[in-house]
């Protein structure tokens, strides 16, 4: 979600669209988070009193994010401003955990906003099942593309790029590394680009795989590209997702992905064509897929070329931004709804 917003803010070609960006979340303690949201809520209220806005584009995910953004959407609707709610995760498990009262609120928000932007067809079907009157538009996430495929078929890194948390399948990945350690070539290293649960470090130590780990921690774009240059496969064995930007970014670089067949991921990755899909929690399939790609450069090249073409043709940032501009224009015009 953060990457999508940054892409919008970095875009210099919004034509005659004037954008005011108001962050409503900060990655601090719960008290600081609550205070930050309240200040943002008040700020947004006064902005709508003293300035004219046609449209609000709100990005949201599950748990507290949805409820915070839901109340913000209600405020903006009361201020006669049209609202787009942009959903960045599969809500199935989140929804099932809710009380009946909360489910009614969620359904109400789906119906009340002027447009729900979803990352894939399955998300749209879920929302439509809960809120029959909801307006829905599928808009896939997108990334910058390259003129030619920069993939290095002789690379020696396996990358995990994202939050190092259980939902992303990081512990499955670490167990797979442990079981692969004895059979992989010594030059194969694993890159963990992200931060997350402190127990990650203890788990790596307990599994005795420090020798296989070349990096742990967040990276900036320049550092990421440095690691991409020596990565032959990106792995994301998640249990819940929307449409991960890390998959799109690595595929744009020509890097094949091993990912789980959940959420919108199968709408991007076709197994054995431009990547490999496995079931969430299937460590045996994860191990065998990593091992296979570590040995088979011909397969790497085939998956790489197809991954690169997939992103260039369907998930380029320029086309995504063109689509968003058209949505802004259409939905801002009186009477136009999707």
Protein backbone atom coordinates (compact mmCIF):
# COMPACT_ATOMS: atom_id res chain seq x y z
CA UNK A 1 0.00 0.00 0.00
CA UNK A 2 2.83 2.38 0.90
CA UNK A 3 4.54 1.78 -2.43
CA UNK A 4 1.32 2.46 -4.37
CA UNK A 5 0.84 5.77 -2.57
CA UNK A 6 4.47 6.76 -3.18
CA UNK A 7 4.02 6.02 -6.88
CA UNK A 8 1.07 8.41 -6.97
CA UNK A 9 2.94 11.12 -5.08
CA UNK A 10 6.00 10.78 -7.33
CA UNK A 11 3.92 11.14 -10.48
CA UNK A 12 4.50 14.57 -12.04
CA UNK A 13 1.84 14.31 -14.73
CA UNK A 14 -1.59 14.61 -13.13
CA UNK A 15 -2.64 17.17 -15.77
CA UNK A 16 -5.17 19.55 -14.21
CA UNK A 17 -5.76 17.39 -11.12
CA UNK A 18 -4.65 19.04 -7.87
CA UNK A 19 -3.82 16.58 -5.09
CA UNK A 20 -3.59 17.14 -1.33
CA UNK A 21 -2.02 14.21 0.50
CA UNK A 22 -2.95 13.65 4.16
CA UNK A 23 -1.29 10.67 5.91
CA UNK A 24 -3.46 9.14 8.65
CA UNK A 25 -1.11 6.44 9.97
CA UNK A 26 2.31 6.42 11.61
CA UNK A 27 4.29 3.33 12.59
CA UNK A 28 4.61 4.11 16.31
CA UNK A 29 2.97 3.03 19.58
CA UNK A 30 -0.81 2.61 19.70
CA UNK A 31 -1.21 5.87 21.61
CA UNK A 32 0.83 7.80 19.05
CA UNK A 33 -1.06 6.10 16.21
CA UNK A 34 -4.41 7.11 17.72
CA UNK A 35 -3.28 10.71 18.25
CA UNK A 36 -1.88 10.93 14.73
CA UNK A 37 -5.16 9.66 13.24
CA UNK A 38 -7.26 12.08 15.31
CA UNK A 39 -5.15 15.04 14.20
CA UNK A 40 -5.41 13.92 10.57
CA UNK A 41 -9.20 13.48 10.92
CA UNK A 42 -9.58 17.02 12.30
CA UNK A 43 -7.26 18.42 9.65
CA UNK A 44 -9.27 16.77 6.88
CA UNK A 45 -12.51 18.12 8.33
CA UNK A 46 -11.24 21.71 8.32
CA UNK A 47 -9.73 21.35 4.85
CA UNK A 48 -13.15 20.35 3.53
CA UNK A 49 -14.74 23.33 5.27
CA UNK A 50 -12.38 25.96 3.84
CA UNK A 51 -11.47 24.41 0.48
CA UNK A 52 -13.43 22.70 -2.27
CA UNK A 53 -12.64 19.06 -3.03
CA UNK A 54 -14.42 16.88 -5.59
CA UNK A 55 -13.03 13.53 -4.59
CA UNK A 56 -11.20 11.63 -1.86
CA UNK A 57 -9.08 8.58 -2.67
CA UNK A 58 -8.62 6.53 0.52
CA UNK A 59 -6.23 3.58 0.75
CA UNK A 60 -7.03 0.88 3.30
CA UNK A 61 -6.26 -2.62 4.44
CA UNK A 62 -7.63 -4.86 7.23
CA UNK A 63 -8.04 -4.56 11.02
CA UNK A 64 -7.84 -1.04 12.48
CA UNK A 65 -6.97 0.45 9.10
CA UNK A 66 -10.38 -0.45 7.68
CA UNK A 67 -12.35 1.00 10.58
CA UNK A 68 -10.29 4.21 10.70
CA UNK A 69 -10.72 4.72 6.98
CA UNK A 70 -14.38 3.72 7.18
CA UNK A 71 -15.16 6.52 9.64
CA UNK A 72 -13.14 8.91 7.51
CA UNK A 73 -15.18 7.89 4.46
CA UNK A 74 -18.39 8.62 6.35
CA UNK A 75 -17.10 12.08 7.28
CA UNK A 76 -16.23 12.87 3.68
CA UNK A 77 -19.59 11.64 2.41
CA UNK A 78 -21.31 13.94 4.91
CA UNK A 79 -19.22 16.76 3.46
CA UNK A 80 -20.68 15.91 0.00
CA UNK A 81 -17.34 14.65 -1.31
CA UNK A 82 -17.22 11.57 -3.48
CA UNK A 83 -15.11 8.76 -2.06
CA UNK A 84 -12.98 6.04 -3.62
CA UNK A 85 -11.96 3.29 -1.19
CA UNK A 86 -8.88 1.45 -2.46
CA UNK A 87 -8.59 -2.02 -0.88
CA UNK A 88 -5.11 -3.53 -0.55
CA UNK A 89 -5.75 -6.99 0.93
CA UNK A 90 -8.06 -9.99 0.77
CA UNK A 91 -10.63 -9.40 3.54
CA UNK A 92 -11.92 -12.98 3.91
CA UNK A 93 -10.30 -13.89 7.25
CA UNK A 94 -10.62 -10.37 8.61
CA UNK A 95 -14.35 -10.39 7.89
CA UNK A 96 -14.91 -13.79 9.50
CA UNK A 97 -13.37 -12.58 12.77
CA UNK A 98 -15.80 -9.67 13.10
CA UNK A 99 -18.91 -9.38 15.24
CA UNK A 100 -22.25 -9.02 13.47
CA UNK A 101 -22.25 -5.30 14.28
CA UNK A 102 -18.83 -4.84 12.71
CA UNK A 103 -19.86 -6.85 9.65
CA UNK A 104 -22.83 -4.54 9.17
CA UNK A 105 -20.49 -1.52 9.36
CA UNK A 106 -18.11 -3.07 6.81
CA UNK A 107 -20.98 -3.88 4.43
CA UNK A 108 -22.34 -0.36 4.86
CA UNK A 109 -18.99 1.21 3.95
CA UNK A 110 -18.67 -1.00 0.85
CA UNK A 111 -22.09 0.23 -0.27
CA UNK A 112 -21.75 3.88 0.75
CA UNK A 113 -18.53 4.86 -1.00
CA UNK A 114 -18.80 5.87 -4.63
CA UNK A 115 -16.25 3.33 -5.83
CA UNK A 116 -14.36 0.37 -4.37
CA UNK A 117 -11.06 -0.16 -6.16
CA UNK A 118 -9.91 -3.76 -5.75
CA UNK A 119 -6.69 -5.48 -6.80
CA UNK A 120 -8.28 -8.48 -8.49
CA UNK A 121 -11.47 -10.24 -9.48
CA UNK A 122 -11.68 -12.39 -6.36
CA UNK A 123 -11.65 -9.30 -4.12
CA UNK A 124 -14.43 -7.75 -6.16
CA UNK A 125 -16.54 -10.90 -5.90
CA UNK A 126 -16.08 -10.96 -2.13
CA UNK A 127 -17.22 -7.36 -1.70
CA UNK A 128 -20.18 -7.84 -4.05
CA UNK A 129 -21.27 -10.86 -2.04
CA UNK A 130 -21.37 -8.78 1.15
CA UNK A 131 -22.68 -5.54 -0.34
CA UNK A 132 -24.86 -6.05 -3.40
CA UNK A 133 -25.03 -2.34 -4.23
CA UNK A 134 -21.29 -1.73 -4.04
CA UNK A 135 -19.63 -0.16 -7.07
CA UNK A 136 -16.44 -2.05 -7.92
CA UNK A 137 -13.54 -1.58 -10.31
CA UNK A 138 -10.54 -3.89 -10.67
CA UNK A 139 -7.32 -1.90 -10.95
CA UNK A 140 -4.18 -3.99 -10.68
CA UNK A 141 -1.16 -2.63 -8.86
CA UNK A 142 1.63 -1.57 -11.20
CA UNK A 143 5.33 -0.78 -11.29
CA UNK A 144 7.95 0.94 -13.40
CA UNK A 145 9.22 -1.23 -16.22
CA UNK A 146 12.53 -1.61 -18.04
CA UNK A 147 13.27 -1.28 -21.76
CA UNK A 148 15.06 -4.65 -21.79
CA UNK A 149 15.05 -7.59 -19.40
CA UNK A 150 17.91 -7.01 -16.89
CA UNK A 151 17.73 -10.52 -15.34
CA UNK A 152 21.00 -12.25 -14.50
CA UNK A 153 20.59 -15.97 -15.25
CA UNK A 154 23.85 -16.70 -13.37
CA UNK A 155 22.68 -15.02 -10.15
CA UNK A 156 23.15 -16.80 -6.81
CA UNK A 157 20.67 -15.09 -4.44
CA UNK A 158 17.20 -16.21 -3.33
CA UNK A 159 15.29 -13.15 -2.09
CA UNK A 160 12.41 -12.67 0.36
CA UNK A 161 11.27 -9.05 0.02
CA UNK A 162 8.66 -7.73 2.46
CA UNK A 163 7.60 -7.80 6.12
CA UNK A 164 9.27 -10.67 7.97
CA UNK A 165 6.08 -11.81 9.65
CA UNK A 166 4.19 -15.08 9.94
CA UNK A 167 1.40 -13.96 7.58
CA UNK A 168 4.00 -13.58 4.83
CA UNK A 169 5.23 -17.15 5.35
CA UNK A 170 8.67 -16.19 6.63
CA UNK A 171 8.89 -19.11 9.08
CA UNK A 172 8.03 -21.57 6.32
CA UNK A 173 10.80 -19.99 4.27
CA UNK A 174 13.35 -20.34 7.08
CA UNK A 175 12.46 -24.01 7.59
CA UNK A 176 12.87 -24.59 3.86
CA UNK A 177 16.31 -22.99 3.98
CA UNK A 178 17.31 -25.31 6.83
CA UNK A 179 16.24 -28.41 4.92
CA UNK A 180 17.90 -27.21 1.71
CA UNK A 181 21.19 -26.30 3.36
CA UNK A 182 22.79 -29.73 2.84
CA UNK A 183 21.87 -29.99 -0.87
CA UNK A 184 22.28 -26.48 -2.26
CA UNK A 185 25.53 -25.27 -3.78
CA UNK A 186 27.60 -23.33 -1.27
CA UNK A 187 27.39 -20.12 -3.31
CA UNK A 188 23.58 -19.91 -2.98
CA UNK A 189 22.67 -17.25 -0.40
CA UNK A 190 19.36 -15.96 0.94
CA UNK A 191 18.47 -12.28 1.16
CA UNK A 192 15.77 -11.19 3.66
CA UNK A 193 14.86 -7.62 2.69
CA UNK A 194 12.51 -6.44 5.40
CA UNK A 195 11.86 -6.11 9.10
CA UNK A 196 9.39 -7.83 11.36
CA UNK A 197 9.18 -10.06 14.37
CA UNK A 198 12.30 -10.04 16.63
CA UNK A 199 11.97 -13.83 16.86
CA UNK A 200 13.27 -14.01 13.27
CA UNK A 201 16.83 -13.65 14.50
CA UNK A 202 16.39 -16.30 17.18
CA UNK A 203 14.81 -18.65 14.65
CA UNK A 204 17.72 -18.25 12.23
CA UNK A 205 20.15 -18.98 15.05
CA UNK A 206 18.16 -21.99 16.27
CA UNK A 207 18.02 -23.43 12.74
CA UNK A 208 21.74 -22.93 12.27
CA UNK A 209 21.38 -21.17 8.91
CA UNK A 210 23.38 -17.99 9.52
CA UNK A 211 25.86 -19.19 6.91
CA UNK A 212 23.13 -19.04 4.26
CA UNK A 213 21.82 -15.56 5.11
CA UNK A 214 23.56 -12.70 3.29
CA UNK A 215 21.37 -9.78 4.43
CA UNK A 216 18.51 -8.96 6.77
CA UNK A 217 16.79 -5.57 6.89
CA UNK A 218 14.99 -2.91 4.88
CA UNK A 219 16.67 -1.63 1.75
CA UNK A 220 16.22 1.53 -0.28
CA UNK A 221 15.65 1.43 -4.04
CA UNK A 222 19.34 1.56 -4.90
CA UNK A 223 20.20 -1.25 -2.49
CA UNK A 224 17.24 -3.28 -3.72
CA UNK A 225 18.44 -3.02 -7.30
CA UNK A 226 21.91 -4.10 -6.21
CA UNK A 227 20.41 -7.28 -4.74
CA UNK A 228 18.08 -7.75 -7.72
CA UNK A 229 21.13 -7.92 -9.98
CA UNK A 230 22.26 -11.08 -8.22
CA UNK A 231 18.84 -12.66 -7.49
CA UNK A 232 17.65 -15.67 -9.52
CA UNK A 233 14.32 -16.15 -7.71
CA UNK A 234 12.07 -14.14 -5.41
CA UNK A 235 10.05 -16.13 -2.85
CA UNK A 236 6.85 -14.98 -1.11
CA UNK A 237 5.02 -17.94 0.54
CA UNK A 238 2.25 -15.75 2.04
CA UNK A 239 -0.95 -16.90 3.70
CA UNK A 240 -2.88 -13.67 3.05
CA UNK A 241 -2.26 -10.91 0.52
CA UNK A 242 -3.79 -8.44 -1.89
CA UNK A 243 -1.52 -8.01 -4.88
CA UNK A 244 2.03 -7.76 -3.51
CA UNK A 245 4.14 -5.00 -5.02
CA UNK A 246 7.26 -7.07 -4.32
CA UNK A 247 6.05 -9.69 -6.79
CA UNK A 248 5.42 -7.08 -9.47
CA UNK A 249 8.70 -5.26 -8.86
CA UNK A 250 10.78 -8.43 -9.02
CA UNK A 251 8.94 -9.70 -12.13
CA UNK A 252 9.51 -6.32 -13.82
CA UNK A 253 13.21 -7.01 -13.31
CA UNK A 254 12.73 -10.40 -14.94
CA UNK A 255 13.07 -12.31 -11.67
CA UNK A 256 10.81 -15.41 -11.47
CA UNK A 257 8.67 -15.78 -8.35
CA UNK A 258 7.73 -18.72 -6.17
CA UNK A 259 4.50 -17.61 -4.49
CA UNK A 260 1.32 -19.01 -3.01
CA UNK A 261 -1.86 -19.42 -5.05
CA UNK A 262 -3.90 -16.99 -2.95
CA UNK A 263 -5.76 -13.71 -3.43
CA UNK A 264 -4.87 -11.95 -6.71
CA UNK A 265 -1.49 -13.63 -7.17
CA UNK A 266 -2.81 -16.27 -9.65
CA UNK A 267 -4.09 -13.39 -11.82
CA UNK A 268 -0.42 -12.40 -12.31
CA UNK A 269 1.58 -15.63 -12.03
CA UNK A 270 0.82 -18.60 -14.26
CA UNK A 271 2.57 -21.56 -12.72
CA UNK A 272 5.38 -23.04 -14.81
CA UNK A 273 4.98 -20.22 -17.37
CA UNK A 274 6.14 -17.00 -15.69
CA UNK A 275 6.69 -18.27 -12.14
CA UNK A 276 5.75 -21.08 -9.77
CA UNK A 277 2.65 -21.27 -7.58
CA UNK A 278 2.41 -23.45 -4.47
CA UNK A 279 -0.13 -23.95 -1.70
CA UNK A 280 0.29 -21.86 1.45
CA UNK A 281 2.13 -23.88 4.07
CA UNK A 282 3.48 -26.47 1.59
CA UNK A 283 7.14 -26.45 2.62
CA UNK A 284 7.95 -29.49 0.49
CA UNK A 285 6.77 -27.70 -2.66
CA UNK A 286 8.65 -24.57 -1.60
CA UNK A 287 11.87 -26.54 -1.12
CA UNK A 288 11.61 -28.45 -4.39
CA UNK A 289 10.83 -25.26 -6.35
CA UNK A 290 13.84 -23.41 -4.95
CA UNK A 291 16.10 -26.41 -5.56
CA UNK A 292 14.84 -26.86 -9.12
CA UNK A 293 15.50 -23.24 -10.05
CA UNK A 294 18.90 -23.32 -8.38
CA UNK A 295 19.91 -26.09 -10.83
CA UNK A 296 17.99 -25.34 -14.02
CA UNK A 297 19.18 -22.17 -15.78
CA UNK A 298 17.12 -22.98 -18.86
CA UNK A 299 13.95 -22.91 -16.77
CA UNK A 300 15.11 -19.71 -15.08
CA UNK A 301 15.51 -18.00 -18.45
CA UNK A 302 12.09 -19.15 -19.70
CA UNK A 303 10.27 -17.97 -16.55
CA UNK A 304 12.26 -14.73 -16.55
CA UNK A 305 11.36 -13.78 -20.12
CA UNK A 306 7.68 -14.49 -19.54
CA UNK A 307 7.64 -12.66 -16.19
CA UNK A 308 9.23 -9.60 -17.78
CA UNK A 309 6.71 -9.62 -20.65
CA UNK A 310 3.76 -10.05 -18.26
CA UNK A 311 4.61 -6.90 -16.30
CA UNK A 312 5.49 -4.83 -19.38
CA UNK A 313 2.19 -5.68 -21.07
CA UNK A 314 -0.29 -5.67 -18.19
CA UNK A 315 1.14 -4.05 -15.07
CA UNK A 316 3.10 -0.98 -16.15
CA UNK A 317 2.84 2.09 -13.95
CA UNK A 318 2.14 4.45 -16.84
CA UNK A 319 -1.00 2.51 -17.85
CA UNK A 320 -2.11 2.25 -14.21
CA UNK A 321 -1.83 6.01 -13.72
CA UNK A 322 -3.74 6.65 -16.95
CA UNK A 323 -6.52 4.44 -15.62
CA UNK A 324 -6.62 6.27 -12.27
CA UNK A 325 -6.76 9.67 -13.99
CA UNK A 326 -9.78 8.52 -16.02
CA UNK A 327 -11.47 7.22 -12.87
CA UNK A 328 -10.92 10.56 -11.11
CA UNK A 329 -12.37 12.44 -14.07
CA UNK A 330 -15.39 10.21 -14.51
CA UNK A 331 -16.35 9.86 -10.89
CA UNK A 332 -15.97 13.60 -10.24
CA UNK A 333 -18.53 14.41 -12.92
CA UNK A 334 -22.03 14.62 -11.56
CA UNK A 335 -24.07 11.47 -12.11
CA UNK A 336 -21.20 9.24 -13.15
CA UNK A 337 -20.85 6.09 -11.08
CA UNK A 338 -19.29 2.73 -11.78
